[in-house]
Amino acid sequence: MYRRRQGWPGALVLAMATLFGPGFCVAEDVLIAAVHFPPYVIKPESNPNSGLLGELVEALNKAQSEHRFALRATSLNRRFDDFRQARIHIAIFENPDWDWQGISGSRIDLGLEDAEILVARREAGRDQRYFDNLMDKRLALFNGYHYGFAGFNNDPQWLEENFQAVITYSHESNLKLVLRGRADVAPITRSWLGARLRERPQLRDELLISDWEDQRYRHYAILHPNAPISADEFRRDLQTLRDNGELARIFSPYGIDVTQTVAGSSAKADAED
């Protein structure tokens, strides 16, 4: 009788199962979306493990052995299709209001908070009142980002029609536009700006930074209904990192608030969030 030949990976797993007995199991791969979102992820098409997400994945893998977390590069727009088709199991550093309505999956509160603040070039006589009205300002905006002042509408054409907006693909580009006087204001992620100020402390004398936050957001993970890890298991792994101080070690230096407890950790999986 014909028997299909088993490839070496399957033979290896079978041999290890025989060697180590019935308790042996292979860690299942859990694929997390890596989307360019500095400082969380930086140019994932070149290196998906760059940025804070790479550190988080490393910590998750060290904390347990049931699953092997790995990163798959995607984009702001493509991540929705990748998620629907289960090419990624977890979309992370998300907010349920960022176009996830109607997409099935568990919403998992990461207990991490960041914000979008505004920056302008520092000039004599310019103070916090400069940010009171954005309608008469030239804005440098990051393509695909959701801004509170725009009602979270991230359509580039709509933004250009309703604001004096130039759309770019990085915070660095937007910061340069402001410093060179080619834009008046740029919304920038607080964590990214904090990292940049540590690299170039002289920027504090060149920039007017808003006290006002365009938005303050709580980071969530969106877990696919068919993911190889359950919502409760992922929450447990995150809690381990919270308890052992790894979350604070990774995120606190960037001005990202790490909560000690996560409210609503029993959030159910549905498409109504």
Foldseek 3Di string as FASTA:
>chain_A
DDDDDDDPVVVVVVVVCVVVDVVDDQAAEAEEEQEPDPQQAHPVVVPSLHHLVVLVQVLLVVLDGNHRYDYDYDYLVCVVVCLQVPVHFKYWQDDCVLPLFQPWFFKAFLQKKWFWWKKAWDDPPDAQCVPVDQQPWQEEEAQNAQWLVVVGDRDVVVCVVRHNYDYDHDPVVRVVCRLVVVTGMYTDIQLNVLVVCVVPVCVVVTMHIHPDTRDMDTMIMTGRPPGPDDLVRVVVSSLVCLVVVNVCVSRVSSVMDHDSDDPPRVGDIDNHD
